[in-house]
Structures are given as C-alpha cells and as structure tokens.
Protein backbone atom coordinates (compact mmCIF):
# COMPACT_ATOMS: atom_id res chain seq x y z
CA UNK A 1 5.16 15.37 -2.60
CA UNK A 2 5.59 11.71 -3.49
CA UNK A 3 9.30 11.95 -2.86
CA UNK A 4 8.65 13.47 0.59
CA UNK A 5 6.37 10.99 1.57
CA UNK A 6 8.53 7.81 0.54
CA UNK A 7 11.88 9.42 2.01
CA UNK A 8 9.95 10.06 5.34
CA UNK A 9 9.01 6.32 5.37
CA UNK A 10 12.60 5.72 4.90
CA UNK A 11 13.60 7.92 7.63
CA UNK A 12 11.30 6.28 10.07
CA UNK A 13 13.13 3.23 9.46
CA UNK A 14 16.44 4.66 10.42
CA UNK A 15 16.39 3.12 13.97
CA UNK A 16 15.88 -0.49 12.54
CA UNK A 17 17.95 -0.40 9.41
CA UNK A 18 20.48 2.50 9.90
CA UNK A 19 21.75 3.88 6.72
CA UNK A 20 21.62 0.71 4.65
CA UNK A 21 19.95 1.06 1.45
CA UNK A 22 19.04 4.88 1.90
CA UNK A 23 17.61 5.07 -1.48
CA UNK A 24 15.28 1.94 -1.74
CA UNK A 25 12.14 4.04 -0.99
CA UNK A 26 13.15 6.53 -3.76
CA UNK A 27 12.74 3.60 -6.46
CA UNK A 28 9.43 2.83 -5.18
CA UNK A 29 8.54 6.62 -5.43
CA UNK A 30 9.91 6.99 -8.94
CA UNK A 31 7.65 3.94 -9.98
CA UNK A 32 4.52 5.23 -8.57
CA UNK A 33 4.89 8.85 -9.62
CA UNK A 34 5.81 7.65 -13.44
CA UNK A 35 2.67 5.35 -13.37
CA UNK A 36 0.45 7.79 -11.96
CA UNK A 37 1.70 10.99 -13.51
CA UNK A 38 4.15 10.33 -16.39
CA UNK A 39 7.80 10.32 -16.58
CA UNK A 40 8.15 14.17 -15.69
CA UNK A 41 6.59 13.48 -12.43
CA UNK A 42 9.06 10.48 -12.00
CA UNK A 43 12.08 12.61 -12.92
CA UNK A 44 11.07 15.19 -10.17
CA UNK A 45 10.70 12.46 -7.61
CA UNK A 46 14.08 11.23 -8.53
CA UNK A 47 15.83 14.58 -7.94
CA UNK A 48 14.22 15.36 -4.82
CA UNK A 49 14.06 11.91 -3.36
CA UNK A 50 17.81 11.48 -3.80
CA UNK A 51 18.59 14.78 -2.37
CA UNK A 52 16.37 14.30 0.67
CA UNK A 53 17.42 10.36 1.09
CA UNK A 54 21.26 11.65 0.86
CA UNK A 55 20.75 14.58 3.35
CA UNK A 56 18.46 12.80 5.77
CA UNK A 57 19.29 8.99 5.44
CA UNK A 58 22.94 8.58 3.85
CA UNK A 59 24.34 11.63 5.83
CA UNK A 60 21.81 12.41 8.69
CA UNK A 61 21.54 8.87 10.15
CA UNK A 62 24.28 9.17 12.38
CA UNK A 63 25.73 6.13 11.32
CA UNK A 64 29.21 5.51 10.14
CA UNK A 65 29.01 2.11 9.03
CA UNK A 66 29.97 3.46 5.30
CA UNK A 67 33.05 5.41 4.38
CA UNK A 68 32.31 8.73 2.46
CA UNK A 69 33.45 7.42 -0.96
CA UNK A 70 31.47 4.43 -0.31
CA UNK A 71 28.24 6.72 0.04
CA UNK A 72 28.99 8.66 -2.78
CA UNK A 73 29.42 5.80 -4.99
CA UNK A 74 26.26 4.22 -3.71
CA UNK A 75 24.44 7.65 -4.35
CA UNK A 76 25.93 7.53 -8.12
CA UNK A 77 25.06 3.79 -8.69
CA UNK A 78 21.35 4.33 -7.09
CA UNK A 79 20.95 7.24 -9.10
CA UNK A 80 21.86 5.55 -12.32
CA UNK A 81 19.76 2.62 -11.86
CA UNK A 82 16.82 5.01 -11.20
CA UNK A 83 17.49 6.84 -14.31
CA UNK A 84 17.42 3.48 -16.23
CA UNK A 85 14.25 2.30 -14.51
CA UNK A 86 12.29 5.53 -15.13
CA UNK A 87 13.80 5.26 -18.94
CA UNK A 88 12.06 1.79 -19.16
CA UNK A 89 8.87 2.92 -17.86
CA UNK A 90 8.86 6.10 -19.99
CA UNK A 91 9.65 3.80 -23.01
CA UNK A 92 6.81 1.07 -21.88
CA UNK A 93 4.25 3.92 -21.36
CA UNK A 94 5.00 5.44 -24.76
CA UNK A 95 4.38 1.78 -26.58
CA UNK A 96 1.27 1.55 -24.52
CA UNK A 97 0.07 4.88 -25.96
CA UNK A 98 0.84 3.99 -29.27
CA UNK A 99 -1.17 0.90 -28.98
CA UNK A 100 -3.97 2.90 -27.64
CA UNK A 101 -3.96 5.42 -30.47
CA UNK A 102 -3.53 2.64 -33.11
CA UNK A 103 -6.44 0.83 -31.33
CA UNK A 104 -8.74 3.83 -31.29
CA UNK A 105 -7.87 4.45 -35.03
CA UNK A 106 -8.91 1.08 -36.03
CA UNK A 107 -12.26 1.32 -33.97
CA UNK A 108 -12.75 4.69 -35.83
CA UNK A 109 -12.30 2.98 -39.14
CA UNK A 110 -14.63 0.05 -38.10
CA UNK A 111 -17.33 2.36 -36.94
CA UNK A 112 -17.25 4.29 -40.07
CA UNK A 113 -17.44 0.99 -42.05
CA UNK A 114 -20.47 -0.09 -39.87
CA UNK A 115 -22.14 3.53 -40.25
CA UNK A 116 -21.49 2.93 -44.11
CA UNK A 117 -23.04 -0.48 -43.97
CA UNK A 118 -25.86 0.47 -41.87
CA UNK A 119 -26.75 3.27 -44.28
CA UNK A 120 -26.71 1.27 -47.33
CA UNK A 121 -28.80 -1.31 -45.35
CA UNK A 122 -31.54 1.47 -44.64
CA UNK A 123 -31.51 2.59 -48.49
CA UNK A 124 -31.94 -1.11 -49.26
CA UNK A 125 -34.76 -1.60 -47.14
CA UNK A 126 -36.31 1.70 -48.39
CA UNK A 127 -36.08 0.64 -52.01
CA UNK A 128 -37.70 -2.68 -51.64
CA UNK A 129 -40.47 -0.97 -49.54
CA UNK A 130 -40.79 1.66 -52.12
CA UNK A 131 -41.22 -1.00 -54.82
CA UNK A 132 -43.87 -3.16 -52.87
CA UNK A 133 -45.88 -0.03 -51.89
CA UNK A 134 -45.89 1.22 -55.66
CA UNK A 135 -46.99 -2.14 -56.85
CA UNK A 136 -49.58 -2.31 -53.92
CA UNK A 137 -50.89 1.16 -55.27
CA UNK A 138 -51.39 -0.04 -58.70
CA UNK A 139 -53.01 -3.50 -57.68
CA UNK A 140 -56.75 -3.59 -58.75
CA UNK A 141 -57.36 -7.01 -56.67
CA UNK A 142 -58.09 -6.21 -53.03
CA UNK A 143 -56.65 -9.53 -51.95
CA UNK A 144 -53.15 -9.01 -53.52
CA UNK A 145 -53.04 -5.44 -52.50
CA UNK A 146 -53.70 -6.56 -48.75
CA UNK A 147 -51.06 -9.14 -49.34
CA UNK A 148 -48.46 -6.76 -50.69
CA UNK A 149 -49.39 -4.16 -47.67
CA UNK A 150 -48.72 -6.95 -45.24
CA UNK A 151 -45.49 -7.87 -46.96
CA UNK A 152 -44.25 -4.09 -46.46
CA UNK A 153 -45.51 -4.19 -42.86
CA UNK A 154 -43.24 -7.20 -42.14
CA UNK A 155 -40.24 -5.68 -43.86
CA UNK A 156 -40.62 -2.47 -42.01
CA UNK A 157 -40.59 -4.60 -38.67
CA UNK A 158 -37.38 -6.21 -39.69
CA UNK A 159 -36.02 -2.53 -40.67
CA UNK A 160 -36.65 -1.04 -37.33
CA UNK A 161 -34.74 -3.94 -35.59
CA UNK A 162 -31.83 -3.48 -37.89
CA UNK A 163 -31.90 0.29 -37.29
CA UNK A 164 -31.48 -0.25 -33.55
CA UNK A 165 -28.39 -2.32 -33.91
CA UNK A 166 -25.16 -0.88 -32.62
CA UNK A 167 -25.78 2.79 -32.65
CA UNK A 168 -28.32 2.65 -30.01
CA UNK A 169 -27.29 -0.54 -28.69
CA UNK A 170 -24.51 -1.50 -26.21
CA UNK A 171 -22.77 -3.57 -28.80
CA UNK A 172 -22.98 -4.93 -32.36
CA UNK A 173 -25.08 -7.90 -31.51
CA UNK A 174 -27.83 -6.49 -29.21
CA UNK A 175 -30.99 -4.47 -29.52
CA UNK A 176 -32.61 -2.45 -26.68
CA UNK A 177 -36.15 -3.92 -26.79
CA UNK A 178 -37.82 -0.98 -25.42
CA UNK A 179 -36.62 1.43 -28.25
CA UNK A 180 -37.16 -1.30 -30.53
CA UNK A 181 -40.62 -2.44 -29.75
CA UNK A 182 -42.17 0.85 -28.71
CA UNK A 183 -40.76 2.54 -32.00
CA UNK A 184 -42.43 -0.30 -34.03
CA UNK A 185 -45.99 0.29 -31.99
CA UNK A 186 -45.78 3.89 -32.83
CA UNK A 187 -45.41 3.36 -36.61
CA UNK A 188 -48.06 0.81 -36.47
CA UNK A 189 -50.46 3.16 -34.71
CA UNK A 190 -49.50 6.05 -37.02
CA UNK A 191 -50.20 3.89 -40.16
CA UNK A 192 -52.98 1.62 -39.10
CA UNK A 193 -55.13 2.99 -36.30
CA UNK A 194 -58.67 3.86 -37.05
CA UNK A 195 -60.84 6.34 -34.96
CA UNK A 196 -59.99 6.37 -31.38
CA UNK A 197 -57.86 3.45 -31.23
CA UNK A 198 -54.61 3.80 -29.54
CA UNK A 199 -51.36 1.55 -29.08
CA UNK A 200 -49.78 1.66 -25.73
CA UNK A 201 -46.15 0.05 -25.12
CA UNK A 202 -44.76 -0.75 -21.77
CA UNK A 203 -41.25 -2.54 -22.12
CA UNK A 204 -38.53 -2.89 -19.48
CA UNK A 205 -34.83 -1.61 -20.59
CA UNK A 206 -33.37 -4.79 -21.43
CA UNK A 207 -31.45 -6.08 -24.57
CA UNK A 208 -31.81 -8.91 -26.69
CA UNK A 209 -29.64 -10.46 -29.41
CA UNK A 210 -30.44 -9.37 -32.95
CA UNK A 211 -32.19 -12.50 -33.99
CA UNK A 212 -34.12 -12.59 -31.18
CA UNK A 213 -35.21 -8.95 -31.38
CA UNK A 214 -36.13 -9.38 -35.32
CA UNK A 215 -38.33 -12.46 -34.33
CA UNK A 216 -39.90 -10.83 -31.66
CA UNK A 217 -40.54 -7.50 -33.89
CA UNK A 218 -42.39 -9.70 -36.69
CA UNK A 219 -44.46 -11.31 -33.78
CA UNK A 220 -45.46 -8.12 -32.24
CA UNK A 221 -45.74 -6.59 -35.60
CA UNK A 222 -48.41 -9.33 -36.61
CA UNK A 223 -50.38 -9.31 -33.39
CA UNK A 224 -50.78 -5.48 -33.18
CA UNK A 225 -51.49 -5.08 -36.85
CA UNK A 226 -54.13 -7.92 -36.58
CA UNK A 227 -55.84 -6.22 -33.31
CA UNK A 228 -55.88 -2.64 -34.99
CA UNK A 229 -57.47 -4.18 -38.18
CA UNK A 230 -60.04 -6.67 -36.93
CA UNK A 231 -60.79 -6.19 -33.30
CA UNK A 232 -62.71 -2.88 -33.28
CA UNK A 233 -65.48 -1.56 -35.33
CA UNK A 234 -65.27 1.26 -37.65
CA UNK A 235 -65.25 4.49 -35.59
CA UNK A 236 -64.95 2.75 -32.17
CA UNK A 237 -62.58 3.67 -29.24
CA UNK A 238 -60.10 1.04 -27.84
CA UNK A 239 -56.58 0.47 -26.78
CA UNK A 240 -54.05 -2.08 -27.91
CA UNK A 241 -51.45 -2.95 -25.22
CA UNK A 242 -48.09 -4.20 -25.63
CA UNK A 243 -46.55 -5.08 -22.26
CA UNK A 244 -43.57 -7.24 -21.10
CA UNK A 245 -41.60 -7.97 -18.00
CA UNK A 246 -38.43 -9.84 -17.55
CA UNK A 247 -38.74 -13.45 -16.17
CA UNK A 248 -35.10 -14.52 -15.08
CA UNK A 249 -33.01 -14.66 -18.21
CA UNK A 250 -36.15 -14.54 -20.43
CA UNK A 251 -39.10 -12.27 -21.07
CA UNK A 252 -42.90 -12.39 -20.84
CA UNK A 253 -44.46 -10.38 -23.69
CA UNK A 254 -48.24 -9.51 -23.75
CA UNK A 255 -50.17 -8.13 -26.66
CA UNK A 256 -53.89 -7.26 -25.63
CA UNK A 257 -56.70 -5.52 -26.84
CA UNK A 258 -60.06 -4.42 -25.40
CA UNK A 259 -61.86 -5.16 -28.86
CA UNK A 260 -64.73 -7.53 -29.75
CA UNK A 261 -62.78 -10.72 -29.53
CA UNK A 262 -62.04 -13.48 -31.83
CA UNK A 263 -65.46 -14.64 -33.46
CA UNK A 264 -66.42 -17.75 -35.16
CA UNK A 265 -63.32 -19.62 -34.77
CA UNK A 266 -61.05 -20.86 -31.89
CA UNK A 267 -58.43 -18.04 -30.52
CA UNK A 268 -55.73 -20.68 -31.20
CA UNK A 269 -56.96 -21.10 -34.88
CA UNK A 270 -53.55 -20.65 -36.99
CA UNK A 271 -55.04 -20.76 -40.42
CA UNK A 272 -54.17 -17.13 -41.45
CA UNK A 273 -50.84 -16.36 -42.78
CA UNK A 274 -50.24 -14.02 -39.63
CA UNK A 275 -50.76 -16.56 -36.96
CA UNK A 276 -48.67 -19.11 -38.96
CA UNK A 277 -45.73 -16.33 -38.73
CA UNK A 278 -46.36 -16.15 -35.02
CA UNK A 279 -46.31 -19.66 -34.33
CA UNK A 280 -43.43 -20.11 -36.46
CA UNK A 281 -41.26 -17.23 -34.83
CA UNK A 282 -42.63 -18.36 -31.49
CA UNK A 283 -41.00 -21.86 -32.09
CA UNK A 284 -37.69 -20.15 -33.00
CA UNK A 285 -37.79 -18.40 -29.83
CA UNK A 286 -38.59 -21.49 -27.87
CA UNK A 287 -41.39 -19.52 -26.60
CA UNK A 288 -44.79 -20.78 -25.15
CA UNK A 289 -47.72 -18.83 -26.76
CA UNK A 290 -51.09 -18.48 -25.13
CA UNK A 291 -54.38 -16.81 -26.58
CA UNK A 292 -57.46 -15.98 -24.51
CA UNK A 293 -60.50 -14.36 -26.21
CA UNK A 294 -63.92 -13.11 -25.07
CA UNK A 295 -66.32 -10.46 -26.47
CA UNK A 296 -64.24 -8.02 -24.09
CA UNK A 297 -61.09 -8.34 -25.88
CA UNK A 298 -58.08 -10.74 -26.85
CA UNK A 299 -54.75 -11.43 -25.05
CA UNK A 300 -51.79 -13.19 -26.59
CA UNK A 301 -48.84 -13.87 -24.04
CA UNK A 302 -45.67 -15.09 -25.15
CA UNK A 303 -43.12 -16.61 -22.68
CA UNK A 304 -39.45 -16.38 -24.04
CA UNK A 305 -37.12 -18.57 -21.95
CA UNK A 306 -33.84 -16.48 -22.94
CA UNK A 307 -32.98 -13.28 -24.80
CA UNK A 308 -29.68 -14.30 -25.67
C-alpha cells in the first residue's frame, strides 16, 4: 500500500518531470514503511515500488530522454542504493531495540533493589515500633508510658510516608498526599478514637516531595492525636476533620474538631511537645500556622507555600 501511494505521487509528476528520477519516491516509501512497520515492510515496499516505478514511470512516461541501457543501469543503481538504505535503517532499529531492552533490564534491576530496600525499611520500622511498644507495656510510670506511646505514633506517621514513596507515587521522590494522609487518619481513628468520635479526611489528589510529606504527616499526626485525646469528653460524640485544598503551587491544610475547645490557655500556646513539633515542622515547610479555639471546637490551619 505504501509503495502504491508513493509511486502514484511520482506518476502524478510525470507531466512536469518526465522520467527523470523515477525511483525517488520509492526511497521515501521504503524509509516510511521501515520506520513504521520494520524492515520486512520496507523490503516489500522496495520490491513493489521498484516494479511499479519501472513500469509506470521509467517505461510508461512516454519519454525517450534515456536509452534503454541507461534506464536499466538507473534501475540497478537505485535498487542497490535502496537496499543499502534499508540495511542501515534495519541495523539502526536493531541497535535501538537492544538499547531499549538493556534499559528495561536495568530498570527492572533498580526496581528489584528498591523493593528490597523498601521491604527492609518496613521491617526496621516495625522492629523499632515493637521495641517501643513492648517497653511502653512494661512501663509503670504513666507519664513515661504516654511518652513512649507518642514516640510510637510519630514513628508510625513517618513509616506511612515512607510506605507511599515510589510504589504508589509517580516517581521515587514524591508522595500522593491523599493516600498518605487519609491512611494516617484511618490508623489514628482505629487506634485512638473513643466512643462515637470519628476522623474524616478530604485531601485532593496532589503530590508532594518526600520531605514535605513526612513533615506534613508529623504535623497532622500531632494535631489529630491531640484532638482525639483531649477535645472530647469520655463517651461523647464528635468528628475530627482533616481537609486540604490546593492554593497555587502550595496547599492549605485544616485540622478541626467539634470538641470542647482549648481550656485554660491560649490556643497558640506551644508549651507541649506536640505543639512544639507542629511549630518546628511548620517552619521547615515555611508554612503559616493559625489556631482558633472556642467552646464549639478548635481549628488549626496551615498554609504551605510550595509542595516541592
């Protein structure tokens, strides 16, 4: 089909060019067919194209500008040239194919190595968590036990961020925040929610750098944990909301609850370790942190200028 099309184009030029360069368009047809469908298609185009060009252009144009011997010589030279071009294209495509296979092989090796590293990292996190939880279970001092449990919660937040690297993201350097933060909220709800308290998560499908995701995970972990533990009376009903929306290249994150509010101190008081962590990591993200609290609940709003 390619040969017929290109020879037909050459036949259409006979009134203007006569039988000069009768095989020129066959060269184009061979290159086109080889690049699209491989060397076999190029060879078929060569055979059919040369035959049609000889019959309808070289012999059928009605021109007598070339002697028969010259036309035969021209046919042979054009055919040999086309075979050489076809050979060059074939060798080039073969090298390209080898390069792609080698690239795929290396990517597979890298993927295997990454999976192994990821597996070992998970095991390391689990080992550390198990040791901390074991120590917390044996600890008689309530304050020390609470501190160990909080450390375990923070390690869990970092572990979830690591788990969402690469496999569930578009590349090795970014994390999908919806999967990441909402899974963290689900784990906090299962582990800490009392009575009818629920954690709801609404996060857009955006990606952030690994460092940003980990810092944000620790902040959300601290705020949600604090709300679940202190915002509601035992047996009461309520909801902790984690919402975010894209703002230009950045993100606005809001953690709110409909609990009893912060009593006895300013909402911005950062004397506790949790709030100090929030403020520290907010500075790392260059985020603006605003807090509002009333008897109807508390709202933390972070405005992060960039997710990269």
